[in-house]
Amino acid sequence: MKNVVVKGVYIVGMHHWGRRELKNDVIHYCGHENDNPYDKNAVLSDAEMRNKVGFLQREDAARLKMCIDI
């Protein structure tokens, strides 16, 4: 697993999992969601590898996907 630290990105789609706010002290793991029908570059944010939170914005996801897929 690669460790990449990313700051200053927005997470969208959080309402689908019932969350409204992100906690500052939680580590979010990101992974490329290959089978996402809406965005081929979709990057899922997962809080502490247990809870789906949402997705990175489309623009941020496209850039981060390059780092994840290396």
C-alpha atoms as a PDB file:
ATOM      1  CA  MET A   1       0.000   0.000   0.000  1.00  0.00           C
ATOM      2  CA  LYS A   2       1.298   3.450  -0.896  1.00  0.00           C
ATOM      3  CA  ASN A   3       1.185   6.251   1.612  1.00  0.00           C
ATOM      4  CA  VAL A   4       0.322   9.591   0.048  1.00  0.00           C
ATOM      5  CA  VAL A   5      -0.665  12.580   2.153  1.00  0.00           C
ATOM      6  CA  VAL A   6      -3.200  14.870   0.519  1.00  0.00           C
ATOM      7  CA  LYS A   7      -4.532  18.050   2.069  1.00  0.00           C
ATOM      8  CA  GLY A   8      -7.040  20.624   0.924  1.00  0.00           C
ATOM      9  CA  VAL A   9      -9.406  18.452  -1.094  1.00  0.00           C
ATOM     10  CA  TYR A  10     -13.172  18.283  -0.910  1.00  0.00           C
ATOM     11  CA  ILE A  11     -15.199  15.124  -0.428  1.00  0.00           C
ATOM     12  CA  VAL A  12     -18.532  14.977  -2.227  1.00  0.00           C
ATOM     13  CA  GLY A  13     -21.503  12.619  -2.064  1.00  0.00           C
ATOM     14  CA  MET A  14     -21.379  12.288   1.719  1.00  0.00           C
ATOM     15  CA  HIS A  15     -25.167  12.453   2.026  1.00  0.00           C
ATOM     16  CA  HIS A  16     -25.416   8.981   0.473  1.00  0.00           C
ATOM     17  CA  TRP A  17     -23.871   7.461   3.598  1.00  0.00           C
ATOM     18  CA  GLY A  18     -25.640   9.717   6.108  1.00  0.00           C
ATOM     19  CA  ARG A  19     -22.658  11.839   7.121  1.00  0.00           C
ATOM     20  CA  ARG A  20     -22.709  15.594   7.144  1.00  0.00           C
ATOM     21  CA  GLU A  21     -19.377  16.523   8.764  1.00  0.00           C
ATOM     22  CA  LEU A  22     -15.876  15.134   8.629  1.00  0.00           C
ATOM     23  CA  LYS A  23     -13.844  14.746  11.782  1.00  0.00           C
ATOM     24  CA  ASN A  24     -10.385  16.293  11.757  1.00  0.00           C
ATOM     25  CA  ASP A  25      -8.720  13.526  13.753  1.00  0.00           C
ATOM     26  CA  VAL A  26      -9.699  10.646  11.442  1.00  0.00           C
ATOM     27  CA  ILE A  27      -7.417   9.230   8.761  1.00  0.00           C
ATOM     28  CA  HIS A  28      -9.154   8.768   5.418  1.00  0.00           C
ATOM     29  CA  TYR A  29      -7.893   6.116   3.030  1.00  0.00           C
ATOM     30  CA  CYS A  30      -8.506   6.630  -0.657  1.00  0.00           C
ATOM     31  CA  GLY A  31      -8.832   4.102  -3.407  1.00  0.00           C
ATOM     32  CA  HIS A  32      -9.675   4.123  -7.095  1.00  0.00           C
ATOM     33  CA  GLU A  33     -13.179   2.789  -7.673  1.00  0.00           C
ATOM     34  CA  ASN A  34     -12.795   1.164 -11.091  1.00  0.00           C
ATOM     35  CA  ASP A  35     -16.448   0.202 -11.529  1.00  0.00           C
ATOM     36  CA  ASN A  36     -17.964   3.630 -10.824  1.00  0.00           C
ATOM     37  CA  PRO A  37     -20.494   4.257 -13.640  1.00  0.00           C
ATOM     38  CA  TYR A  38     -20.385   8.064 -13.214  1.00  0.00           C
ATOM     39  CA  ASP A  39     -16.644   8.741 -13.178  1.00  0.00           C
ATOM     40  CA  LYS A  40     -13.877   6.494 -14.514  1.00  0.00           C
ATOM     41  CA  ASN A  41     -11.402   8.301 -12.231  1.00  0.00           C
ATOM     42  CA  ALA A  42     -13.552   8.066  -9.081  1.00  0.00           C
ATOM     43  CA  VAL A  43     -11.570   7.964  -5.831  1.00  0.00           C
ATOM     44  CA  LEU A  44     -13.456   6.778  -2.759  1.00  0.00           C
ATOM     45  CA  SER A  45     -12.668   8.185   0.688  1.00  0.00           C
ATOM     46  CA  ASP A  46     -12.915   5.618   3.447  1.00  0.00           C
ATOM     47  CA  ALA A  47     -12.661   6.663   7.112  1.00  0.00           C
ATOM     48  CA  GLU A  48     -10.212   4.418   8.929  1.00  0.00           C
ATOM     49  CA  MET A  49     -10.834   1.672   6.325  1.00  0.00           C
ATOM     50  CA  ARG A  50     -14.251   0.961   7.858  1.00  0.00           C
ATOM     51  CA  ASN A  51     -16.739   3.568   6.726  1.00  0.00           C
ATOM     52  CA  LYS A  52     -17.352   4.871   3.222  1.00  0.00           C
ATOM     53  CA  VAL A  53     -17.519   8.634   3.456  1.00  0.00           C
ATOM     54  CA  GLY A  54     -17.750   9.932  -0.094  1.00  0.00           C
ATOM     55  CA  PHE A  55     -15.654  10.668  -3.148  1.00  0.00           C
ATOM     56  CA  LEU A  56     -13.007  13.211  -3.984  1.00  0.00           C
ATOM     57  CA  GLN A  57     -14.160  15.942  -6.348  1.00  0.00           C
ATOM     58  CA  ARG A  58     -13.799  14.958  -9.988  1.00  0.00           C
ATOM     59  CA  GLU A  59     -10.812  17.275 -10.616  1.00  0.00           C
ATOM     60  CA  ASP A  60      -8.926  16.121  -7.512  1.00  0.00           C
ATOM     61  CA  ALA A  61      -9.749  12.479  -8.194  1.00  0.00           C
ATOM     62  CA  ALA A  62      -8.258  12.597 -11.691  1.00  0.00           C
ATOM     63  CA  ARG A  63      -4.952  13.898 -10.299  1.00  0.00           C
ATOM     64  CA  LEU A  64      -4.827  11.567  -7.288  1.00  0.00           C
ATOM     65  CA  LYS A  65      -5.738   8.523  -9.384  1.00  0.00           C
ATOM     66  CA  MET A  66      -2.408   8.891 -11.173  1.00  0.00           C
ATOM     67  CA  CYS A  67      -0.585   8.541  -7.833  1.00  0.00           C
ATOM     68  CA  ILE A  68      -2.692   5.590  -6.709  1.00  0.00           C
ATOM     69  CA  ASP A  69      -2.306   3.647  -9.967  1.00  0.00           C
ATOM     70  CA  ILE A  70       1.489   3.931 -10.211  1.00  0.00           C
END
